């Protein structure tokens, strides 16, 4: 995953959180789940 793609992804996530005005707990859970997804994506992409 290149850096510009990551920056775009992060911006989208931030906008999504702001737009939905999630509670802090929900947004933290969402970010943690997303980090796991990104980790899994990176690992599968490195094969």
PDB file of N, CA and C in Angstrom:
ATOM      1  N   UNK A   1       0.867  -1.195   0.000  1.00  0.00           N
ATOM      2  CA  UNK A   1       0.000   0.000   0.000  1.00  0.00           C
ATOM      3  C   UNK A   1       0.897   1.237   0.000  1.00  0.00           C
ATOM      4  N   UNK A   2       0.753   2.074  -1.028  1.00  0.00           N
ATOM      5  CA  UNK A   2       1.594   3.265  -1.068  1.00  0.00           C
ATOM      6  C   UNK A   2       1.051   4.360  -0.164  1.00  0.00           C
ATOM      7  N   UNK A   3       1.914   5.331   0.137  1.00  0.00           N
ATOM      8  CA  UNK A   3       1.581   6.351   1.131  1.00  0.00           C
ATOM      9  C   UNK A   3       0.407   7.219   0.725  1.00  0.00           C
ATOM     10  N   UNK A   4       0.299   7.566  -0.558  1.00  0.00           N
ATOM     11  CA  UNK A   4      -0.818   8.413  -0.994  1.00  0.00           C
ATOM     12  C   UNK A   4      -2.142   7.680  -0.840  1.00  0.00           C
ATOM     13  N   UNK A   5      -2.136   6.381  -1.125  1.00  0.00           N
ATOM     14  CA  UNK A   5      -3.342   5.572  -0.937  1.00  0.00           C
ATOM     15  C   UNK A   5      -3.749   5.555   0.530  1.00  0.00           C
ATOM     16  N   UNK A   6      -2.761   5.381   1.409  1.00  0.00           N
ATOM     17  CA  UNK A   6      -3.030   5.358   2.844  1.00  0.00           C
ATOM     18  C   UNK A   6      -3.598   6.688   3.314  1.00  0.00           C
ATOM     19  N   UNK A   7      -2.995   7.800   2.837  1.00  0.00           N
ATOM     20  CA  UNK A   7      -3.467   9.131   3.231  1.00  0.00           C
ATOM     21  C   UNK A   7      -4.907   9.346   2.796  1.00  0.00           C
ATOM     22  N   UNK A   8      -5.230   8.917   1.566  1.00  0.00           N
ATOM     23  CA  UNK A   8      -6.602   9.040   1.064  1.00  0.00           C
ATOM     24  C   UNK A   8      -7.550   8.215   1.921  1.00  0.00           C
ATOM     25  N   UNK A   9      -7.118   7.007   2.267  1.00  0.00           N
ATOM     26  CA  UNK A   9      -7.926   6.105   3.085  1.00  0.00           C
ATOM     27  C   UNK A   9      -8.183   6.715   4.457  1.00  0.00           C
ATOM     28  N   UNK A  10      -7.121   7.250   5.070  1.00  0.00           N
ATOM     29  CA  UNK A  10      -7.251   7.870   6.393  1.00  0.00           C
ATOM     30  C   UNK A  10      -8.206   9.057   6.331  1.00  0.00           C
ATOM     31  N   UNK A  11      -8.095   9.865   5.276  1.00  0.00           N
ATOM     32  CA  UNK A  11      -8.974  11.021   5.115  1.00  0.00           C
ATOM     33  C   UNK A  11     -10.429  10.571   5.008  1.00  0.00           C
ATOM     34  N   UNK A  12     -10.658   9.519   4.245  1.00  0.00           N
ATOM     35  CA  UNK A  12     -12.009   8.977   4.096  1.00  0.00           C
ATOM     36  C   UNK A  12     -12.561   8.496   5.431  1.00  0.00           C
ATOM     37  N   UNK A  13     -11.721   7.829   6.194  1.00  0.00           N
ATOM     38  CA  UNK A  13     -12.133   7.320   7.507  1.00  0.00           C
ATOM     39  C   UNK A  13     -12.496   8.477   8.422  1.00  0.00           C
ATOM     40  N   UNK A  14     -11.633   9.491   8.450  1.00  0.00           N
ATOM     41  CA  UNK A  14     -11.874  10.662   9.304  1.00  0.00           C
ATOM     42  C   UNK A  14     -13.188  11.338   8.921  1.00  0.00           C
ATOM     43  N   UNK A  15     -13.417  11.482   7.626  1.00  0.00           N
ATOM     44  CA  UNK A  15     -14.660  12.100   7.152  1.00  0.00           C
ATOM     45  C   UNK A  15     -15.861  11.266   7.553  1.00  0.00           C
ATOM     46  N   UNK A  16     -15.721   9.950   7.436  1.00  0.00           N
ATOM     47  CA  UNK A  16     -16.815   9.045   7.800  1.00  0.00           C
ATOM     48  C   UNK A  16     -17.161   9.195   9.280  1.00  0.00           C
ATOM     49  N   UNK A  17     -16.122   9.239  10.122  1.00  0.00           N
ATOM     50  CA  UNK A  17     -16.328   9.375  11.567  1.00  0.00           C
ATOM     51  C   UNK A  17     -17.012  10.709  11.876  1.00  0.00           C
ATOM     52  N   UNK A  18     -16.519  11.782  11.262  1.00  0.00           N
ATOM     53  CA  UNK A  18     -17.103  13.102  11.504  1.00  0.00           C
ATOM     54  C   UNK A  18     -18.549  13.144  11.020  1.00  0.00           C
ATOM     55  N   UNK A  19     -18.766  12.597   9.834  1.00  0.00           N
ATOM     56  CA  UNK A  19     -20.093  12.646   9.222  1.00  0.00           C
ATOM     57  C   UNK A  19     -21.104  11.900  10.093  1.00  0.00           C
ATOM     58  N   UNK A  20     -20.730  10.754  10.577  1.00  0.00           N
ATOM     59  CA  UNK A  20     -21.644   9.937  11.375  1.00  0.00           C
ATOM     60  C   UNK A  20     -21.654  10.347  12.840  1.00  0.00           C
ATOM     61  N   UNK A  21     -20.712  11.224  13.210  1.00  0.00           N
ATOM     62  CA  UNK A  21     -20.602  11.684  14.594  1.00  0.00           C
ATOM     63  C   UNK A  21     -20.694  10.518  15.568  1.00  0.00           C
ATOM     64  N   UNK A  22     -19.819   9.558  15.343  1.00  0.00           N
ATOM     65  CA  UNK A  22     -19.776   8.375  16.199  1.00  0.00           C
ATOM     66  C   UNK A  22     -19.371   8.760  17.613  1.00  0.00           C
ATOM     67  N   UNK A  23     -19.753   7.931  18.544  1.00  0.00           N
ATOM     68  CA  UNK A  23     -19.261   8.120  19.908  1.00  0.00           C
ATOM     69  C   UNK A  23     -17.790   7.740  19.904  1.00  0.00           C
ATOM     70  N   UNK A  24     -17.048   8.215  20.886  1.00  0.00           N
ATOM     71  CA  UNK A  24     -15.616   7.943  20.958  1.00  0.00           C
ATOM     72  C   UNK A  24     -15.333   6.439  20.987  1.00  0.00           C
ATOM     73  N   UNK A  25     -16.089   5.734  21.795  1.00  0.00           N
ATOM     74  CA  UNK A  25     -15.888   4.283  21.905  1.00  0.00           C
ATOM     75  C   UNK A  25     -16.075   3.602  20.565  1.00  0.00           C
ATOM     76  N   UNK A  26     -17.137   3.988  19.862  1.00  0.00           N
ATOM     77  CA  UNK A  26     -17.430   3.377  18.568  1.00  0.00           C
ATOM     78  C   UNK A  26     -16.325   3.672  17.569  1.00  0.00           C
ATOM     79  N   UNK A  27     -15.856   4.928  17.552  1.00  0.00           N
ATOM     80  CA  UNK A  27     -14.839   5.293  16.570  1.00  0.00           C
ATOM     81  C   UNK A  27     -13.512   4.606  16.877  1.00  0.00           C
ATOM     82  N   UNK A  28     -13.182   4.444  18.153  1.00  0.00           N
ATOM     83  CA  UNK A  28     -11.955   3.737  18.532  1.00  0.00           C
ATOM     84  C   UNK A  28     -12.045   2.280  18.086  1.00  0.00           C
ATOM     85  N   UNK A  29     -13.184   1.660  18.340  1.00  0.00           N
ATOM     86  CA  UNK A  29     -13.383   0.269  17.931  1.00  0.00           C
ATOM     87  C   UNK A  29     -13.262   0.153  16.405  1.00  0.00           C
ATOM     88  N   UNK A  30     -13.873   1.107  15.701  1.00  0.00           N
ATOM     89  CA  UNK A  30     -13.843   1.128  14.242  1.00  0.00           C
ATOM     90  C   UNK A  30     -12.404   1.239  13.725  1.00  0.00           C
ATOM     91  N   UNK A  31     -11.629   2.165  14.334  1.00  0.00           N
ATOM     92  CA  UNK A  31     -10.242   2.378  13.915  1.00  0.00           C
ATOM     93  C   UNK A  31      -9.399   1.131  14.188  1.00  0.00           C
ATOM     94  N   UNK A  32      -9.597   0.513  15.359  1.00  0.00           N
ATOM     95  CA  UNK A  32      -8.846  -0.698  15.690  1.00  0.00           C
ATOM     96  C   UNK A  32      -9.160  -1.819  14.702  1.00  0.00           C
ATOM     97  N   UNK A  33     -10.422  -1.979  14.366  1.00  0.00           N
ATOM     98  CA  UNK A  33     -10.816  -3.007  13.400  1.00  0.00           C
ATOM     99  C   UNK A  33     -10.198  -2.714  12.044  1.00  0.00           C
ATOM    100  N   UNK A  34     -10.172  -1.436  11.682  1.00  0.00           N
ATOM    101  CA  UNK A  34      -9.615  -1.046  10.398  1.00  0.00           C
ATOM    102  C   UNK A  34      -8.114  -1.301  10.347  1.00  0.00           C
ATOM    103  N   UNK A  35      -7.431  -1.007  11.470  1.00  0.00           N
ATOM    104  CA  UNK A  35      -5.987  -1.260  11.544  1.00  0.00           C
ATOM    105  C   UNK A  35      -5.700  -2.733  11.339  1.00  0.00           C
ATOM    106  N   UNK A  36      -6.514  -3.597  11.929  1.00  0.00           N
ATOM    107  CA  UNK A  36      -6.352  -5.035  11.751  1.00  0.00           C
ATOM    108  C   UNK A  36      -6.554  -5.411  10.285  1.00  0.00           C
ATOM    109  N   UNK A  37      -7.548  -4.792   9.659  1.00  0.00           N
ATOM    110  CA  UNK A  37      -7.810  -5.051   8.243  1.00  0.00           C
ATOM    111  C   UNK A  37      -6.630  -4.621   7.392  1.00  0.00           C
ATOM    112  N   UNK A  38      -6.085  -3.433   7.690  1.00  0.00           N
ATOM    113  CA  UNK A  38      -4.937  -2.920   6.937  1.00  0.00           C
ATOM    114  C   UNK A  38      -3.734  -3.846   7.124  1.00  0.00           C
ATOM    115  N   UNK A  39      -3.510  -4.300   8.365  1.00  0.00           N
ATOM    116  CA  UNK A  39      -2.411  -5.224   8.655  1.00  0.00           C
ATOM    117  C   UNK A  39      -2.577  -6.497   7.832  1.00  0.00           C
ATOM    118  N   UNK A  40      -3.781  -7.030   7.834  1.00  0.00           N
ATOM    119  CA  UNK A  40      -4.063  -8.242   7.072  1.00  0.00           C
ATOM    120  C   UNK A  40      -3.868  -8.016   5.586  1.00  0.00           C
ATOM    121  N   UNK A  41      -4.274  -6.832   5.129  1.00  0.00           N
ATOM    122  CA  UNK A  41      -4.131  -6.472   3.713  1.00  0.00           C
ATOM    123  C   UNK A  41      -2.655  -6.378   3.339  1.00  0.00           C
ATOM    124  N   UNK A  42      -1.868  -5.734   4.202  1.00  0.00           N
ATOM    125  CA  UNK A  42      -0.425  -5.597   3.965  1.00  0.00           C
ATOM    126  C   UNK A  42       0.226  -6.970   3.910  1.00  0.00           C
ATOM    127  N   UNK A  43      -0.107  -7.827   4.879  1.00  0.00           N
ATOM    128  CA  UNK A  43       0.491  -9.153   4.947  1.00  0.00           C
ATOM    129  C   UNK A  43       0.158  -9.981   3.710  1.00  0.00           C
ATOM    130  N   UNK A  44      -1.079  -9.899   3.251  1.00  0.00           N
ATOM    131  CA  UNK A  44      -1.478 -10.675   2.082  1.00  0.00           C
ATOM    132  C   UNK A  44      -0.844 -10.095   0.819  1.00  0.00           C
ATOM    133  N   UNK A  45      -0.565  -8.793   0.821  1.00  0.00           N
ATOM    134  CA  UNK A  45       0.033  -8.154  -0.347  1.00  0.00           C
ATOM    135  C   UNK A  45       1.521  -8.406  -0.481  1.00  0.00           C
ATOM    136  N   UNK A  46       2.158  -8.847   0.601  1.00  0.00           N
ATOM    137  CA  UNK A  46       3.606  -9.031   0.589  1.00  0.00           C
ATOM    138  C   UNK A  46       4.038 -10.404   0.072  1.00  0.00           C
ATOM    139  N   UNK A  47       3.083 -11.316  -0.100  1.00  0.00           N
ATOM    140  CA  UNK A  47       3.405 -12.676  -0.537  1.00  0.00           C
ATOM    141  C   UNK A  47       4.014 -12.689  -1.939  1.00  0.00           C
TER     142      UNK A  47
END
